[in-house]
């Protein structure tokens, strides 16, 4: 009898936990490799930015000082609104894993919010995630995305936080 009661109790507990509603995620601070990339960008340390990037066409464009890439990261003529620097220059940062990106052992993507913007656009913590799916706010106004790839030397910034190479994704 005790055994049957224990089994019923365990089954009921599992049923209750399965019905638990996932609520909106909480912010976290940048991890070391994220912060290294962000610090390099904020400090305008081009060597450190290149070192924080995954090898490839975008890194080559950055190293060769492509004006579109530089404008994406640092802005133009003193205007940094909507740039990577503009977003990162509003600490503290709120980092969330991007649920719209399937993370793997080789690639992951995060949402980066200045904490002030996050506090303005995020729903209350107890809100069910289904009622308030990420991301919240306006892209490049309240948040940006940054994709990282695992390389032979560790996690590296793969997209300079949302940069799209001209012609990328265009097929014949």
C-alpha atoms as a PDB file:
ATOM      1  CA  UNK A   1       0.000   0.000   0.000  1.00  0.00           C
ATOM      2  CA  UNK A   2       2.807   2.417   0.928  1.00  0.00           C
ATOM      3  CA  UNK A   3       4.553   1.555  -2.298  1.00  0.00           C
ATOM      4  CA  UNK A   4       1.434   2.258  -4.371  1.00  0.00           C
ATOM      5  CA  UNK A   5       0.917   5.579  -2.554  1.00  0.00           C
ATOM      6  CA  UNK A   6       4.535   6.545  -3.210  1.00  0.00           C
ATOM      7  CA  UNK A   7       4.124   5.698  -6.898  1.00  0.00           C
ATOM      8  CA  UNK A   8       0.931   7.766  -7.164  1.00  0.00           C
ATOM      9  CA  UNK A   9       2.629  10.695  -5.388  1.00  0.00           C
ATOM     10  CA  UNK A  10       5.656  10.527  -7.665  1.00  0.00           C
ATOM     11  CA  UNK A  11       3.459  10.373 -10.751  1.00  0.00           C
ATOM     12  CA  UNK A  12       1.432  13.354  -9.562  1.00  0.00           C
ATOM     13  CA  UNK A  13       4.608  15.370  -8.926  1.00  0.00           C
ATOM     14  CA  UNK A  14       5.913  14.571 -12.406  1.00  0.00           C
ATOM     15  CA  UNK A  15       2.582  15.616 -13.877  1.00  0.00           C
ATOM     16  CA  UNK A  16       2.679  18.912 -12.015  1.00  0.00           C
ATOM     17  CA  UNK A  17       6.246  19.651 -13.083  1.00  0.00           C
ATOM     18  CA  UNK A  18       5.355  18.853 -16.704  1.00  0.00           C
ATOM     19  CA  UNK A  19       2.562  21.416 -16.491  1.00  0.00           C
ATOM     20  CA  UNK A  20       4.859  24.116 -15.108  1.00  0.00           C
ATOM     21  CA  UNK A  21       4.904  27.137 -17.374  1.00  0.00           C
ATOM     22  CA  UNK A  22       8.272  28.422 -18.539  1.00  0.00           C
ATOM     23  CA  UNK A  23       8.555  32.111 -17.745  1.00  0.00           C
ATOM     24  CA  UNK A  24      10.596  34.795 -19.470  1.00  0.00           C
ATOM     25  CA  UNK A  25      14.363  34.329 -18.962  1.00  0.00           C
ATOM     26  CA  UNK A  26      16.489  36.423 -16.645  1.00  0.00           C
ATOM     27  CA  UNK A  27      19.477  38.462 -17.787  1.00  0.00           C
ATOM     28  CA  UNK A  28      23.003  37.235 -17.338  1.00  0.00           C
ATOM     29  CA  UNK A  29      26.327  39.032 -17.572  1.00  0.00           C
ATOM     30  CA  UNK A  30      28.561  38.450 -20.624  1.00  0.00           C
ATOM     31  CA  UNK A  31      30.770  35.348 -20.421  1.00  0.00           C
ATOM     32  CA  UNK A  32      34.540  35.906 -20.727  1.00  0.00           C
ATOM     33  CA  UNK A  33      34.790  35.375 -24.510  1.00  0.00           C
ATOM     34  CA  UNK A  34      31.744  37.588 -25.141  1.00  0.00           C
ATOM     35  CA  UNK A  35      33.169  40.319 -22.927  1.00  0.00           C
ATOM     36  CA  UNK A  36      36.578  40.071 -24.642  1.00  0.00           C
ATOM     37  CA  UNK A  37      34.948  40.723 -28.033  1.00  0.00           C
ATOM     38  CA  UNK A  38      32.778  43.525 -26.651  1.00  0.00           C
ATOM     39  CA  UNK A  39      35.710  45.189 -24.867  1.00  0.00           C
ATOM     40  CA  UNK A  40      37.806  45.087 -28.027  1.00  0.00           C
ATOM     41  CA  UNK A  41      35.019  46.796 -29.965  1.00  0.00           C
ATOM     42  CA  UNK A  42      34.359  49.450 -27.314  1.00  0.00           C
ATOM     43  CA  UNK A  43      38.060  50.288 -27.032  1.00  0.00           C
ATOM     44  CA  UNK A  44      38.439  50.518 -30.848  1.00  0.00           C
ATOM     45  CA  UNK A  45      41.299  48.033 -30.593  1.00  0.00           C
ATOM     46  CA  UNK A  46      41.311  46.740 -34.156  1.00  0.00           C
ATOM     47  CA  UNK A  47      43.886  44.029 -33.469  1.00  0.00           C
ATOM     48  CA  UNK A  48      41.856  42.708 -30.526  1.00  0.00           C
ATOM     49  CA  UNK A  49      38.628  42.843 -32.566  1.00  0.00           C
ATOM     50  CA  UNK A  50      40.255  40.867 -35.391  1.00  0.00           C
ATOM     51  CA  UNK A  51      41.555  38.353 -32.809  1.00  0.00           C
ATOM     52  CA  UNK A  52      38.051  38.055 -31.304  1.00  0.00           C
ATOM     53  CA  UNK A  53      36.528  37.232 -34.701  1.00  0.00           C
ATOM     54  CA  UNK A  54      36.095  33.852 -36.343  1.00  0.00           C
ATOM     55  CA  UNK A  55      38.280  33.393 -39.432  1.00  0.00           C
ATOM     56  CA  UNK A  56      36.500  34.042 -42.713  1.00  0.00           C
ATOM     57  CA  UNK A  57      35.306  36.648 -45.185  1.00  0.00           C
ATOM     58  CA  UNK A  58      33.970  39.026 -42.519  1.00  0.00           C
ATOM     59  CA  UNK A  59      37.211  38.949 -40.559  1.00  0.00           C
ATOM     60  CA  UNK A  60      39.106  39.613 -43.800  1.00  0.00           C
ATOM     61  CA  UNK A  61      36.796  42.550 -44.606  1.00  0.00           C
ATOM     62  CA  UNK A  62      37.333  43.934 -41.117  1.00  0.00           C
ATOM     63  CA  UNK A  63      41.119  43.595 -41.342  1.00  0.00           C
ATOM     64  CA  UNK A  64      41.126  45.293 -44.761  1.00  0.00           C
ATOM     65  CA  UNK A  65      39.126  48.190 -43.201  1.00  0.00           C
ATOM     66  CA  UNK A  66      35.995  47.768 -45.308  1.00  0.00           C
ATOM     67  CA  UNK A  67      34.032  51.007 -44.780  1.00  0.00           C
ATOM     68  CA  UNK A  68      30.647  49.234 -44.508  1.00  0.00           C
ATOM     69  CA  UNK A  69      31.956  46.897 -41.817  1.00  0.00           C
ATOM     70  CA  UNK A  70      33.562  49.794 -39.922  1.00  0.00           C
ATOM     71  CA  UNK A  71      30.333  51.798 -40.137  1.00  0.00           C
ATOM     72  CA  UNK A  72      28.366  48.830 -38.773  1.00  0.00           C
ATOM     73  CA  UNK A  73      30.703  48.523 -35.797  1.00  0.00           C
ATOM     74  CA  UNK A  74      31.697  52.116 -35.029  1.00  0.00           C
ATOM     75  CA  UNK A  75      29.292  54.328 -36.949  1.00  0.00           C
ATOM     76  CA  UNK A  76      30.132  57.187 -39.253  1.00  0.00           C
ATOM     77  CA  UNK A  77      30.795  60.860 -38.680  1.00  0.00           C
ATOM     78  CA  UNK A  78      30.332  60.483 -34.924  1.00  0.00           C
ATOM     79  CA  UNK A  79      26.886  58.863 -35.175  1.00  0.00           C
ATOM     80  CA  UNK A  80      26.848  55.581 -33.257  1.00  0.00           C
ATOM     81  CA  UNK A  81      23.088  55.106 -32.937  1.00  0.00           C
ATOM     82  CA  UNK A  82      22.186  51.524 -33.854  1.00  0.00           C
ATOM     83  CA  UNK A  83      25.832  50.504 -34.202  1.00  0.00           C
ATOM     84  CA  UNK A  84      27.542  47.758 -32.247  1.00  0.00           C
ATOM     85  CA  UNK A  85      29.515  50.369 -30.303  1.00  0.00           C
ATOM     86  CA  UNK A  86      26.386  52.381 -29.643  1.00  0.00           C
ATOM     87  CA  UNK A  87      24.647  49.354 -28.130  1.00  0.00           C
ATOM     88  CA  UNK A  88      27.659  48.155 -26.136  1.00  0.00           C
ATOM     89  CA  UNK A  89      28.374  51.650 -24.769  1.00  0.00           C
ATOM     90  CA  UNK A  90      25.332  51.486 -22.497  1.00  0.00           C
ATOM     91  CA  UNK A  91      26.388  49.208 -19.631  1.00  0.00           C
ATOM     92  CA  UNK A  92      25.456  47.137 -17.833  1.00  0.00           C
ATOM     93  CA  UNK A  93      24.540  44.627 -20.510  1.00  0.00           C
ATOM     94  CA  UNK A  94      21.762  42.057 -20.313  1.00  0.00           C
ATOM     95  CA  UNK A  95      22.584  38.864 -22.215  1.00  0.00           C
ATOM     96  CA  UNK A  96      20.005  36.240 -23.175  1.00  0.00           C
ATOM     97  CA  UNK A  97      20.476  33.118 -25.281  1.00  0.00           C
ATOM     98  CA  UNK A  98      18.547  33.590 -28.529  1.00  0.00           C
ATOM     99  CA  UNK A  99      15.730  31.016 -28.571  1.00  0.00           C
ATOM    100  CA  UNK A 100      15.229  31.574 -32.302  1.00  0.00           C
ATOM    101  CA  UNK A 101      18.697  30.173 -33.028  1.00  0.00           C
ATOM    102  CA  UNK A 102      19.432  26.485 -32.608  1.00  0.00           C
ATOM    103  CA  UNK A 103      22.613  26.431 -30.560  1.00  0.00           C
ATOM    104  CA  UNK A 104      25.126  23.653 -31.208  1.00  0.00           C
ATOM    105  CA  UNK A 105      28.571  22.768 -29.928  1.00  0.00           C
ATOM    106  CA  UNK A 106      29.933  24.823 -32.840  1.00  0.00           C
ATOM    107  CA  UNK A 107      27.662  27.875 -32.947  1.00  0.00           C
ATOM    108  CA  UNK A 108      25.462  29.931 -30.652  1.00  0.00           C
ATOM    109  CA  UNK A 109      23.713  33.267 -30.764  1.00  0.00           C
ATOM    110  CA  UNK A 110      22.853  35.720 -28.017  1.00  0.00           C
ATOM    111  CA  UNK A 111      20.608  38.725 -27.641  1.00  0.00           C
ATOM    112  CA  UNK A 112      22.401  41.744 -26.200  1.00  0.00           C
ATOM    113  CA  UNK A 113      20.381  44.446 -24.483  1.00  0.00           C
ATOM    114  CA  UNK A 114      21.623  47.493 -22.628  1.00  0.00           C
ATOM    115  CA  UNK A 115      20.056  46.832 -19.201  1.00  0.00           C
ATOM    116  CA  UNK A 116      18.079  50.084 -19.337  1.00  0.00           C
ATOM    117  CA  UNK A 117      16.503  49.099 -22.683  1.00  0.00           C
ATOM    118  CA  UNK A 118      15.777  45.584 -21.416  1.00  0.00           C
ATOM    119  CA  UNK A 119      14.042  46.934 -18.320  1.00  0.00           C
ATOM    120  CA  UNK A 120      11.892  49.163 -20.532  1.00  0.00           C
ATOM    121  CA  UNK A 121      10.753  46.469 -23.022  1.00  0.00           C
ATOM    122  CA  UNK A 122      10.832  43.180 -21.073  1.00  0.00           C
ATOM    123  CA  UNK A 123       7.599  41.750 -19.663  1.00  0.00           C
ATOM    124  CA  UNK A 124       7.377  40.998 -15.931  1.00  0.00           C
ATOM    125  CA  UNK A 125       9.485  37.986 -14.878  1.00  0.00           C
ATOM    126  CA  UNK A 126       6.425  35.855 -14.077  1.00  0.00           C
ATOM    127  CA  UNK A 127       5.039  36.247 -17.623  1.00  0.00           C
ATOM    128  CA  UNK A 128       4.755  32.917 -19.454  1.00  0.00           C
ATOM    129  CA  UNK A 129       7.301  32.799 -22.280  1.00  0.00           C
ATOM    130  CA  UNK A 130       4.580  31.732 -24.723  1.00  0.00           C
ATOM    131  CA  UNK A 131       2.817  35.046 -24.039  1.00  0.00           C
ATOM    132  CA  UNK A 132       5.970  37.121 -24.567  1.00  0.00           C
ATOM    133  CA  UNK A 133       8.369  35.403 -26.976  1.00  0.00           C
ATOM    134  CA  UNK A 134      11.852  36.807 -27.429  1.00  0.00           C
ATOM    135  CA  UNK A 135      13.167  39.112 -28.689  1.00  0.00           C
ATOM    136  CA  UNK A 136      11.493  42.139 -27.122  1.00  0.00           C
ATOM    137  CA  UNK A 137      11.792  45.636 -28.495  1.00  0.00           C
ATOM    138  CA  UNK A 138      13.267  47.034 -31.683  1.00  0.00           C
ATOM    139  CA  UNK A 139      16.263  45.407 -33.350  1.00  0.00           C
ATOM    140  CA  UNK A 140      19.340  47.681 -33.165  1.00  0.00           C
ATOM    141  CA  UNK A 141      17.333  50.118 -31.063  1.00  0.00           C
ATOM    142  CA  UNK A 142      16.733  48.034 -27.929  1.00  0.00           C
ATOM    143  CA  UNK A 143      18.832  44.940 -28.664  1.00  0.00           C
ATOM    144  CA  UNK A 144      21.147  43.281 -31.152  1.00  0.00           C
ATOM    145  CA  UNK A 145      22.132  39.698 -31.882  1.00  0.00           C
ATOM    146  CA  UNK A 146      25.675  38.366 -31.784  1.00  0.00           C
ATOM    147  CA  UNK A 147      26.637  34.950 -33.160  1.00  0.00           C
ATOM    148  CA  UNK A 148      29.684  33.101 -31.872  1.00  0.00           C
ATOM    149  CA  UNK A 149      31.399  30.076 -33.406  1.00  0.00           C
ATOM    150  CA  UNK A 150      33.712  27.560 -31.826  1.00  0.00           C
ATOM    151  CA  UNK A 151      37.118  27.710 -33.523  1.00  0.00           C
ATOM    152  CA  UNK A 152      40.438  25.989 -32.901  1.00  0.00           C
ATOM    153  CA  UNK A 153      41.278  28.839 -30.507  1.00  0.00           C
ATOM    154  CA  UNK A 154      37.916  29.044 -28.705  1.00  0.00           C
ATOM    155  CA  UNK A 155      34.619  30.871 -29.167  1.00  0.00           C
ATOM    156  CA  UNK A 156      34.897  33.767 -31.622  1.00  0.00           C
ATOM    157  CA  UNK A 157      32.503  36.436 -32.849  1.00  0.00           C
ATOM    158  CA  UNK A 158      31.231  35.239 -36.230  1.00  0.00           C
ATOM    159  CA  UNK A 159      28.984  38.049 -37.439  1.00  0.00           C
ATOM    160  CA  UNK A 160      30.185  41.268 -35.744  1.00  0.00           C
ATOM    161  CA  UNK A 161      26.772  41.358 -34.055  1.00  0.00           C
ATOM    162  CA  UNK A 162      24.426  41.173 -36.978  1.00  0.00           C
ATOM    163  CA  UNK A 163      26.523  42.257 -39.936  1.00  0.00           C
ATOM    164  CA  UNK A 164      25.405  40.746 -43.253  1.00  0.00           C
ATOM    165  CA  UNK A 165      27.918  40.607 -46.054  1.00  0.00           C
ATOM    166  CA  UNK A 166      26.539  42.261 -49.213  1.00  0.00           C
ATOM    167  CA  UNK A 167      25.215  39.587 -51.536  1.00  0.00           C
ATOM    168  CA  UNK A 168      25.135  36.952 -48.780  1.00  0.00           C
ATOM    169  CA  UNK A 169      22.229  34.618 -49.239  1.00  0.00           C
ATOM    170  CA  UNK A 170      21.574  35.736 -52.807  1.00  0.00           C
ATOM    171  CA  UNK A 171      21.422  32.859 -55.230  1.00  0.00           C
ATOM    172  CA  UNK A 172      21.894  32.764 -58.897  1.00  0.00           C
END
